[in-house]
Amino acid sequence: MPIYEYRCDACGHELEAMQKMSAAPLTDCPACATPALKKLISAAGFRLSGGGWYETDFKSGDKKNVAKKEETPSAPAACGSGGCGAPACAAGA
C-alpha cells in the first residue's frame, strides 16, 4: 500500500497515511478537527540494489553491474603456527 502525505490548510499540520490506492482521500485534520486536509504530491523514494534485470538489461558499457560483489582472498595468509593445516605452516616456515 502506498503512503500518502497530507497537510492541513487550517493549522499546517502534516501527516502520512498508508492507504489503498482506491481509498478516498482523508479530509479531517487529526490536530484541529477541521475538514481542511489536502493531499500532497511527493516523489517515491526507493532504490533497486543487487543484480537483476534492471541492472544488466537497461545499462550499457561501464554502467553495467554496478553492484559488484566484494572479492575475498582465495587463500588465508600464512600463520606460521602450524595449526591451520597449510603446507607452509606445517613445515614451520
PDB file of N, CA and C in Angstrom:
ATOM      1  N   MET A   1       0.838  -1.182   0.000  1.00  0.00           N
ATOM      2  CA  MET A   1       0.000   0.000   0.000  1.00  0.00           C
ATOM      3  C   MET A   1       0.879   1.240   0.000  1.00  0.00           C
ATOM      4  N   PRO A   2       0.513   2.223  -0.774  1.00  0.00           N
ATOM      5  CA  PRO A   2       1.304   3.455  -0.811  1.00  0.00           C
ATOM      6  C   PRO A   2       1.085   4.323   0.431  1.00  0.00           C
ATOM      7  N   ILE A   3       2.067   5.142   0.703  1.00  0.00           N
ATOM      8  CA  ILE A   3       1.993   6.094   1.813  1.00  0.00           C
ATOM      9  C   ILE A   3       1.752   7.470   1.203  1.00  0.00           C
ATOM     10  N   TYR A   4       0.683   8.114   1.637  1.00  0.00           N
ATOM     11  CA  TYR A   4       0.329   9.445   1.143  1.00  0.00           C
ATOM     12  C   TYR A   4       0.642  10.483   2.204  1.00  0.00           C
ATOM     13  N   GLU A   5       1.026  11.668   1.750  1.00  0.00           N
ATOM     14  CA  GLU A   5       1.297  12.784   2.650  1.00  0.00           C
ATOM     15  C   GLU A   5       0.154  13.787   2.552  1.00  0.00           C
ATOM     16  N   TYR A   6      -0.222  14.326   3.706  1.00  0.00           N
ATOM     17  CA  TYR A   6      -1.306  15.318   3.779  1.00  0.00           C
ATOM     18  C   TYR A   6      -0.830  16.515   4.574  1.00  0.00           C
ATOM     19  N   ARG A   7      -1.405  17.692   4.268  1.00  0.00           N
ATOM     20  CA  ARG A   7      -1.152  18.915   5.038  1.00  0.00           C
ATOM     21  C   ARG A   7      -2.486  19.614   5.246  1.00  0.00           C
ATOM     22  N   CYS A   8      -2.689  20.110   6.466  1.00  0.00           N
ATOM     23  CA  CYS A   8      -3.909  20.832   6.797  1.00  0.00           C
ATOM     24  C   CYS A   8      -3.743  22.300   6.390  1.00  0.00           C
ATOM     25  N   ASP A   9      -4.690  22.805   5.614  1.00  0.00           N
ATOM     26  CA  ASP A   9      -4.653  24.214   5.211  1.00  0.00           C
ATOM     27  C   ASP A   9      -4.966  25.144   6.374  1.00  0.00           C
ATOM     28  N   ALA A  10      -5.682  24.641   7.387  1.00  0.00           N
ATOM     29  CA  ALA A  10      -6.079  25.484   8.519  1.00  0.00           C
ATOM     30  C   ALA A  10      -4.950  25.676   9.526  1.00  0.00           C
ATOM     31  N   CYS A  11      -4.315  24.565   9.949  1.00  0.00           N
ATOM     32  CA  CYS A  11      -3.307  24.680  11.009  1.00  0.00           C
ATOM     33  C   CYS A  11      -1.889  24.348  10.555  1.00  0.00           C
ATOM     34  N   GLY A  12      -1.721  23.794   9.346  1.00  0.00           N
ATOM     35  CA  GLY A  12      -0.392  23.478   8.843  1.00  0.00           C
ATOM     36  C   GLY A  12       0.140  22.120   9.282  1.00  0.00           C
ATOM     37  N   HIS A  13      -0.664  21.349  10.002  1.00  0.00           N
ATOM     38  CA  HIS A  13      -0.251  20.023  10.469  1.00  0.00           C
ATOM     39  C   HIS A  13       0.000  19.116   9.267  1.00  0.00           C
ATOM     40  N   GLU A  14       1.112  18.346   9.304  1.00  0.00           N
ATOM     41  CA  GLU A  14       1.432  17.400   8.235  1.00  0.00           C
ATOM     42  C   GLU A  14       1.412  15.990   8.783  1.00  0.00           C
ATOM     43  N   LEU A  15       0.935  15.044   7.965  1.00  0.00           N
ATOM     44  CA  LEU A  15       0.892  13.654   8.390  1.00  0.00           C
ATOM     45  C   LEU A  15       1.049  12.749   7.193  1.00  0.00           C
ATOM     46  N   GLU A  16       1.399  11.495   7.473  1.00  0.00           N
ATOM     47  CA  GLU A  16       1.488  10.462   6.456  1.00  0.00           C
ATOM     48  C   GLU A  16       0.452   9.407   6.776  1.00  0.00           C
ATOM     49  N   ALA A  17      -0.186   8.859   5.737  1.00  0.00           N
ATOM     50  CA  ALA A  17      -1.200   7.833   5.928  1.00  0.00           C
ATOM     51  C   ALA A  17      -1.002   6.727   4.903  1.00  0.00           C
ATOM     52  N   MET A  18      -1.018   5.475   5.374  1.00  0.00           N
ATOM     53  CA  MET A  18      -0.932   4.335   4.483  1.00  0.00           C
ATOM     54  C   MET A  18      -2.346   3.970   4.069  1.00  0.00           C
ATOM     55  N   GLN A  19      -2.636   4.096   2.767  1.00  0.00           N
ATOM     56  CA  GLN A  19      -3.978   3.865   2.259  1.00  0.00           C
ATOM     57  C   GLN A  19      -3.924   3.071   0.967  1.00  0.00           C
ATOM     58  N   LYS A  20      -5.016   2.397   0.661  1.00  0.00           N
ATOM     59  CA  LYS A  20      -5.143   1.754  -0.634  1.00  0.00           C
ATOM     60  C   LYS A  20      -5.259   2.836  -1.696  1.00  0.00           C
ATOM     61  N   MET A  21      -4.865   2.503  -2.910  1.00  0.00           N
ATOM     62  CA  MET A  21      -4.964   3.480  -3.994  1.00  0.00           C
ATOM     63  C   MET A  21      -6.417   3.823  -4.294  1.00  0.00           C
ATOM     64  N   SER A  22      -7.325   2.888  -4.027  1.00  0.00           N
ATOM     65  CA  SER A  22      -8.743   3.116  -4.303  1.00  0.00           C
ATOM     66  C   SER A  22      -9.468   3.827  -3.164  1.00  0.00           C
ATOM     67  N   ALA A  23      -8.798   4.031  -2.035  1.00  0.00           N
ATOM     68  CA  ALA A  23      -9.430   4.677  -0.880  1.00  0.00           C
ATOM     69  C   ALA A  23      -9.643   6.167  -1.131  1.00  0.00           C
ATOM     70  N   ALA A  24     -10.694   6.698  -0.549  1.00  0.00           N
ATOM     71  CA  ALA A  24     -10.973   8.133  -0.660  1.00  0.00           C
ATOM     72  C   ALA A  24      -9.935   8.922   0.134  1.00  0.00           C
ATOM     73  N   PRO A  25      -9.540  10.098  -0.340  1.00  0.00           N
ATOM     74  CA  PRO A  25      -8.565  10.909   0.399  1.00  0.00           C
ATOM     75  C   PRO A  25      -9.103  11.333   1.762  1.00  0.00           C
ATOM     76  N   LEU A  26      -8.199  11.476   2.723  1.00  0.00           N
ATOM     77  CA  LEU A  26      -8.595  11.956   4.046  1.00  0.00           C
ATOM     78  C   LEU A  26      -8.982  13.420   3.947  1.00  0.00           C
ATOM     79  N   THR A  27      -9.915  13.845   4.789  1.00  0.00           N
ATOM     80  CA  THR A  27     -10.339  15.248   4.764  1.00  0.00           C
ATOM     81  C   THR A  27     -10.226  15.927   6.116  1.00  0.00           C
ATOM     82  N   ASP A  28     -10.429  15.189   7.216  1.00  0.00           N
ATOM     83  CA  ASP A  28     -10.438  15.796   8.557  1.00  0.00           C
ATOM     84  C   ASP A  28      -9.051  15.750   9.186  1.00  0.00           C
ATOM     85  N   CYS A  29      -8.584  16.896   9.639  1.00  0.00           N
ATOM     86  CA  CYS A  29      -7.281  17.008  10.289  1.00  0.00           C
ATOM     87  C   CYS A  29      -7.355  16.422  11.701  1.00  0.00           C
ATOM     88  N   PRO A  30      -6.415  15.526  12.065  1.00  0.00           N
ATOM     89  CA  PRO A  30      -6.432  14.982  13.423  1.00  0.00           C
ATOM     90  C   PRO A  30      -5.987  15.988  14.485  1.00  0.00           C
ATOM     91  N   ALA A  31      -5.299  17.057  14.093  1.00  0.00           N
ATOM     92  CA  ALA A  31      -4.808  18.048  15.055  1.00  0.00           C
ATOM     93  C   ALA A  31      -5.868  19.085  15.415  1.00  0.00           C
ATOM     94  N   CYS A  32      -6.565  19.618  14.399  1.00  0.00           N
ATOM     95  CA  CYS A  32      -7.521  20.700  14.682  1.00  0.00           C
ATOM     96  C   CYS A  32      -8.969  20.322  14.364  1.00  0.00           C
ATOM     97  N   ALA A  33      -9.207  19.110  13.842  1.00  0.00           N
ATOM     98  CA  ALA A  33     -10.541  18.572  13.551  1.00  0.00           C
ATOM     99  C   ALA A  33     -11.321  19.360  12.505  1.00  0.00           C
ATOM    100  N   THR A  34     -10.638  20.107  11.661  1.00  0.00           N
ATOM    101  CA  THR A  34     -11.329  20.809  10.572  1.00  0.00           C
ATOM    102  C   THR A  34     -11.178  19.998   9.283  1.00  0.00           C
ATOM    103  N   PRO A  35     -12.144  20.077   8.382  1.00  0.00           N
ATOM    104  CA  PRO A  35     -12.043  19.338   7.118  1.00  0.00           C
ATOM    105  C   PRO A  35     -11.194  20.099   6.083  1.00  0.00           C
ATOM    106  N   ALA A  36      -9.906  20.273   6.398  1.00  0.00           N
ATOM    107  CA  ALA A  36      -9.042  21.085   5.537  1.00  0.00           C
ATOM    108  C   ALA A  36      -7.779  20.345   5.087  1.00  0.00           C
ATOM    109  N   LEU A  37      -7.780  19.009   5.120  1.00  0.00           N
ATOM    110  CA  LEU A  37      -6.597  18.258   4.682  1.00  0.00           C
ATOM    111  C   LEU A  37      -6.511  18.239   3.158  1.00  0.00           C
ATOM    112  N   LYS A  38      -5.306  18.431   2.660  1.00  0.00           N
ATOM    113  CA  LYS A  38      -5.033  18.356   1.224  1.00  0.00           C
ATOM    114  C   LYS A  38      -3.922  17.342   1.001  1.00  0.00           C
ATOM    115  N   LYS A  39      -4.083  16.497  -0.010  1.00  0.00           N
ATOM    116  CA  LYS A  39      -3.071  15.503  -0.341  1.00  0.00           C
ATOM    117  C   LYS A  39      -1.912  16.196  -1.048  1.00  0.00           C
ATOM    118  N   LEU A  40      -0.697  15.900  -0.609  1.00  0.00           N
ATOM    119  CA  LEU A  40       0.500  16.478  -1.214  1.00  0.00           C
ATOM    120  C   LEU A  40       1.042  15.558  -2.297  1.00  0.00           C
ATOM    121  N   ILE A  41       1.731  16.122  -3.238  1.00  0.00           N
ATOM    122  CA  ILE A  41       2.396  15.346  -4.274  1.00  0.00           C
ATOM    123  C   ILE A  41       3.860  15.227  -3.880  1.00  0.00           C
ATOM    124  N   SER A  42       4.337  13.995  -3.789  1.00  0.00           N
ATOM    125  CA  SER A  42       5.724  13.784  -3.402  1.00  0.00           C
ATOM    126  C   SER A  42       6.316  12.667  -4.245  1.00  0.00           C
ATOM    127  N   ALA A  43       7.620  12.640  -4.309  1.00  0.00           N
ATOM    128  CA  ALA A  43       8.328  11.626  -5.087  1.00  0.00           C
ATOM    129  C   ALA A  43       8.483  10.353  -4.262  1.00  0.00           C
ATOM    130  N   ALA A  44       8.354   9.250  -4.934  1.00  0.00           N
ATOM    131  CA  ALA A  44       8.576   7.962  -4.271  1.00  0.00           C
ATOM    132  C   ALA A  44      10.074   7.742  -4.147  1.00  0.00           C
ATOM    133  N   GLY A  45      10.505   7.267  -3.001  1.00  0.00           N
ATOM    134  CA  GLY A  45      11.923   7.039  -2.780  1.00  0.00           C
ATOM    135  C   GLY A  45      12.223   5.566  -2.599  1.00  0.00           C
ATOM    136  N   PHE A  46      12.908   4.974  -3.576  1.00  0.00           N
ATOM    137  CA  PHE A  46      13.351   3.600  -3.435  1.00  0.00           C
ATOM    138  C   PHE A  46      14.553   3.384  -4.342  1.00  0.00           C
ATOM    139  N   ARG A  47      15.313   2.373  -4.030  1.00  0.00           N
ATOM    140  CA  ARG A  47      16.490   2.062  -4.821  1.00  0.00           C
ATOM    141  C   ARG A  47      16.534   0.562  -5.014  1.00  0.00           C
ATOM    142  N   LEU A  48      16.716   0.140  -6.234  1.00  0.00           N
ATOM    143  CA  LEU A  48      16.867  -1.271  -6.527  1.00  0.00           C
ATOM    144  C   LEU A  48      18.343  -1.601  -6.378  1.00  0.00           C
ATOM    145  N   SER A  49      18.675  -2.540  -5.490  1.00  0.00           N
ATOM    146  CA  SER A  49      20.072  -2.875  -5.284  1.00  0.00           C
ATOM    147  C   SER A  49      20.310  -4.330  -5.629  1.00  0.00           C
ATOM    148  N   GLY A  50      21.555  -4.656  -5.886  1.00  0.00           N
ATOM    149  CA  GLY A  50      21.898  -6.018  -6.257  1.00  0.00           C
ATOM    150  C   GLY A  50      21.845  -6.206  -7.756  1.00  0.00           C
ATOM    151  N   GLY A  51      22.028  -7.443  -8.190  1.00  0.00           N
ATOM    152  CA  GLY A  51      21.990  -7.753  -9.604  1.00  0.00           C
ATOM    153  C   GLY A  51      20.584  -8.133 -10.015  1.00  0.00           C
ATOM    154  N   GLY A  52      20.256  -7.925 -11.249  1.00  0.00           N
ATOM    155  CA  GLY A  52      18.930  -8.269 -11.734  1.00  0.00           C
ATOM    156  C   GLY A  52      18.695  -7.690 -13.105  1.00  0.00           C
ATOM    157  N   TRP A  53      17.510  -7.872 -13.634  1.00  0.00           N
ATOM    158  CA  TRP A  53      17.202  -7.410 -14.993  1.00  0.00           C
ATOM    159  C   TRP A  53      17.425  -5.916 -15.154  1.00  0.00           C
ATOM    160  N   TYR A  54      17.073  -5.116 -14.136  1.00  0.00           N
ATOM    161  CA  TYR A  54      17.240  -3.673 -14.212  1.00  0.00           C
ATOM    162  C   TYR A  54      18.706  -3.300 -14.198  1.00  0.00           C
ATOM    163  N   GLU A  55      19.549  -4.164 -13.645  1.00  0.00           N
ATOM    164  CA  GLU A  55      20.972  -3.890 -13.521  1.00  0.00           C
ATOM    165  C   GLU A  55      21.706  -4.177 -14.828  1.00  0.00           C
ATOM    166  N   THR A  56      21.272  -5.180 -15.558  1.00  0.00           N
ATOM    167  CA  THR A  56      22.023  -5.600 -16.737  1.00  0.00           C
ATOM    168  C   THR A  56      21.349  -5.254 -18.050  1.00  0.00           C
ATOM    169  N   ASP A  57      20.043  -5.218 -18.122  1.00  0.00           N
ATOM    170  CA  ASP A  57      19.359  -5.060 -19.393  1.00  0.00           C
ATOM    171  C   ASP A  57      19.206  -3.617 -19.864  1.00  0.00           C
ATOM    172  N   PHE A  58      19.188  -2.667 -18.968  1.00  0.00           N
ATOM    173  CA  PHE A  58      18.917  -1.293 -19.365  1.00  0.00           C
ATOM    174  C   PHE A  58      20.117  -0.372 -19.196  1.00  0.00           C
ATOM    175  N   LYS A  59      21.290  -0.940 -19.022  1.00  0.00           N
ATOM    176  CA  LYS A  59      22.501  -0.137 -18.890  1.00  0.00           C
ATOM    177  C   LYS A  59      23.500  -0.605 -19.934  1.00  0.00           C
ATOM    178  N   SER A  60      24.421   0.253 -20.284  1.00  0.00           N
ATOM    179  CA  SER A  60      25.395  -0.120 -21.297  1.00  0.00           C
ATOM    180  C   SER A  60      26.801   0.217 -20.828  1.00  0.00           C
ATOM    181  N   GLY A  61      27.760  -0.479 -21.396  1.00  0.00           N
ATOM    182  CA  GLY A  61      29.169  -0.185 -21.147  1.00  0.00           C
ATOM    183  C   GLY A  61      29.583  -0.351 -19.700  1.00  0.00           C
ATOM    184  N   ASP A  62      30.270   0.666 -19.166  1.00  0.00           N
ATOM    185  CA  ASP A  62      30.804   0.615 -17.810  1.00  0.00           C
ATOM    186  C   ASP A  62      29.731   0.722 -16.733  1.00  0.00           C
ATOM    187  N   LYS A  63      28.523   1.073 -17.114  1.00  0.00           N
ATOM    188  CA  LYS A  63      27.450   1.234 -16.129  1.00  0.00           C
ATOM    189  C   LYS A  63      26.836  -0.093 -15.713  1.00  0.00           C
ATOM    190  N   LYS A  64      27.099  -1.169 -16.462  1.00  0.00           N
ATOM    191  CA  LYS A  64      26.544  -2.478 -16.113  1.00  0.00           C
ATOM    192  C   LYS A  64      27.209  -3.006 -14.850  1.00  0.00           C
ATOM    193  N   ASN A  65      26.467  -3.813 -14.114  1.00  0.00           N
ATOM    194  CA  ASN A  65      26.957  -4.487 -12.904  1.00  0.00           C
ATOM    195  C   ASN A  65      27.549  -3.510 -11.893  1.00  0.00           C
ATOM    196  N   VAL A  66      26.771  -2.506 -11.550  1.00  0.00           N
ATOM    197  CA  VAL A  66      27.200  -1.507 -10.583  1.00  0.00           C
ATOM    198  C   VAL A  66      27.379  -2.138  -9.209  1.00  0.00           C
ATOM    199  N   ALA A  67      26.503  -3.069  -8.851  1.00  0.00           N
ATOM    200  CA  ALA A  67      26.560  -3.718  -7.537  1.00  0.00           C
ATOM    201  C   ALA A  67      27.469  -4.931  -7.610  1.00  0.00           C
ATOM    202  N   LYS A  68      28.773  -4.711  -7.618  1.00  0.00           N
ATOM    203  CA  LYS A  68      29.739  -5.809  -7.701  1.00  0.00           C
ATOM    204  C   LYS A  68      29.953  -6.414  -6.318  1.00  0.00           C
ATOM    205  N   LYS A  69      30.183  -7.702  -6.308  1.00  0.00           N
ATOM    206  CA  LYS A  69      30.461  -8.395  -5.042  1.00  0.00           C
ATOM    207  C   LYS A  69      31.881  -8.090  -4.608  1.00  0.00           C
ATOM    208  N   GLU A  70      32.079  -8.065  -3.290  1.00  0.00           N
ATOM    209  CA  GLU A  70      33.422  -7.850  -2.778  1.00  0.00           C
ATOM    210  C   GLU A  70      34.243  -9.103  -3.016  1.00  0.00           C
ATOM    211  N   GLU A  71      35.486  -8.911  -3.417  1.00  0.00           N
ATOM    212  CA  GLU A  71      36.344 -10.051  -3.646  1.00  0.00           C
ATOM    213  C   GLU A  71      36.931 -10.512  -2.326  1.00  0.00           C
ATOM    214  N   THR A  72      36.947 -11.832  -2.117  1.00  0.00           N
ATOM    215  CA  THR A  72      37.529 -12.398  -0.911  1.00  0.00           C
ATOM    216  C   THR A  72      38.847 -13.057  -1.284  1.00  0.00           C
ATOM    217  N   PRO A  73      39.818 -13.030  -0.396  1.00  0.00           N
ATOM    218  CA  PRO A  73      41.093 -13.677  -0.712  1.00  0.00           C
ATOM    219  C   PRO A  73      40.889 -15.177  -0.880  1.00  0.00           C
ATOM    220  N   SER A  74      41.588 -15.778  -1.859  1.00  0.00           N
ATOM    221  CA  SER A  74      41.403 -17.192  -2.158  1.00  0.00           C
ATOM    222  C   SER A  74      42.140 -18.084  -1.167  1.00  0.00           C
ATOM    223  N   ALA A  75      43.227 -17.623  -0.590  1.00  0.00           N
ATOM    224  CA  ALA A  75      43.980 -18.437   0.363  1.00  0.00           C
ATOM    225  C   ALA A  75      44.242 -17.607   1.613  1.00  0.00           C
ATOM    226  N   PRO A  76      44.177 -18.234   2.787  1.00  0.00           N
ATOM    227  CA  PRO A  76      44.460 -17.483   4.018  1.00  0.00           C
ATOM    228  C   PRO A  76      45.939 -17.136   4.095  1.00  0.00           C
ATOM    229  N   ALA A  77      46.223 -16.076   4.801  1.00  0.00           N
ATOM    230  CA  ALA A  77      47.610 -15.666   4.996  1.00  0.00           C
ATOM    231  C   ALA A  77      48.320 -16.708   5.859  1.00  0.00           C
ATOM    232  N   ALA A  78      49.626 -16.878   5.642  1.00  0.00           N
ATOM    233  CA  ALA A  78      50.391 -17.863   6.411  1.00  0.00           C
ATOM    234  C   ALA A  78      50.438 -17.434   7.877  1.00  0.00           C
ATOM    235  N   CYS A  79      50.073 -18.365   8.736  1.00  0.00           N
ATOM    236  CA  CYS A  79      50.008 -18.014  10.154  1.00  0.00           C
ATOM    237  C   CYS A  79      51.305 -18.377  10.866  1.00  0.00           C
ATOM    238  N   GLY A  80      52.041 -19.389  10.374  1.00  0.00           N
ATOM    239  CA  GLY A  80      53.309 -19.746  10.976  1.00  0.00           C
ATOM    240  C   GLY A  80      53.194 -20.572  12.240  1.00  0.00           C
ATOM    241  N   SER A  81      51.971 -20.885  12.695  1.00  0.00           N
ATOM    242  CA  SER A  81      51.818 -21.636  13.940  1.00  0.00           C
ATOM    243  C   SER A  81      51.682 -23.135  13.708  1.00  0.00           C
ATOM    244  N   GLY A  82      51.429 -23.543  12.463  1.00  0.00           N
ATOM    245  CA  GLY A  82      51.267 -24.951  12.147  1.00  0.00           C
ATOM    246  C   GLY A  82      49.884 -25.489  12.458  1.00  0.00           C
ATOM    247  N   GLY A  83      48.989 -24.659  13.005  1.00  0.00           N
ATOM    248  CA  GLY A  83      47.671 -25.109  13.386  1.00  0.00           C
ATOM    249  C   GLY A  83      46.626 -25.032  12.276  1.00  0.00           C
ATOM    250  N   CYS A  84      46.936 -24.341  11.183  1.00  0.00           N
ATOM    251  CA  CYS A  84      45.930 -24.163  10.151  1.00  0.00           C
ATOM    252  C   CYS A  84      45.925 -25.299   9.130  1.00  0.00           C
ATOM    253  N   GLY A  85      46.942 -26.108   9.077  1.00  0.00           N
ATOM    254  CA  GLY A  85      46.981 -27.253   8.167  1.00  0.00           C
ATOM    255  C   GLY A  85      47.590 -26.933   6.812  1.00  0.00           C
ATOM    256  N   ALA A  86      47.965 -25.686   6.568  1.00  0.00           N
ATOM    257  CA  ALA A  86      48.587 -25.337   5.294  1.00  0.00           C
ATOM    258  C   ALA A  86      50.004 -25.932   5.257  1.00  0.00           C
ATOM    259  N   PRO A  87      50.467 -26.354   4.072  1.00  0.00           N
ATOM    260  CA  PRO A  87      51.804 -26.948   3.996  1.00  0.00           C
ATOM    261  C   PRO A  87      52.912 -26.049   4.515  1.00  0.00           C
ATOM    262  N   ALA A  88      52.817 -24.750   4.253  1.00  0.00           N
ATOM    263  CA  ALA A  88      53.851 -23.823   4.730  1.00  0.00           C
ATOM    264  C   ALA A  88      53.863 -23.753   6.250  1.00  0.00           C
ATOM    265  N   CYS A  89      52.655 -23.802   6.870  1.00  0.00           N
ATOM    266  CA  CYS A  89      52.577 -23.724   8.324  1.00  0.00           C
ATOM    267  C   CYS A  89      53.037 -25.024   8.970  1.00  0.00           C
ATOM    268  N   ALA A  90      52.687 -26.152   8.363  1.00  0.00           N
ATOM    269  CA  ALA A  90      53.069 -27.449   8.911  1.00  0.00           C
ATOM    270  C   ALA A  90      54.581 -27.615   8.896  1.00  0.00           C
ATOM    271  N   ALA A  91      55.247 -26.996   7.912  1.00  0.00           N
ATOM    272  CA  ALA A  91      56.690 -27.104   7.823  1.00  0.00           C
ATOM    273  C   ALA A  91      57.389 -26.104   8.751  1.00  0.00           C
ATOM    274  N   GLY A  92      56.567 -25.189   9.356  1.00  0.00           N
ATOM    275  CA  GLY A  92      57.143 -24.207  10.277  1.00  0.00           C
ATOM    276  C   GLY A  92      57.820 -23.069   9.563  1.00  0.00           C
ATOM    277  N   ALA A  93      57.404 -22.764   8.337  1.00  0.00           N
ATOM    278  CA  ALA A  93      58.040 -21.697   7.566  1.00  0.00           C
ATOM    279  C   ALA A  93      57.628 -20.374   8.048  1.00  0.00           C
TER     280      ALA A  93
END
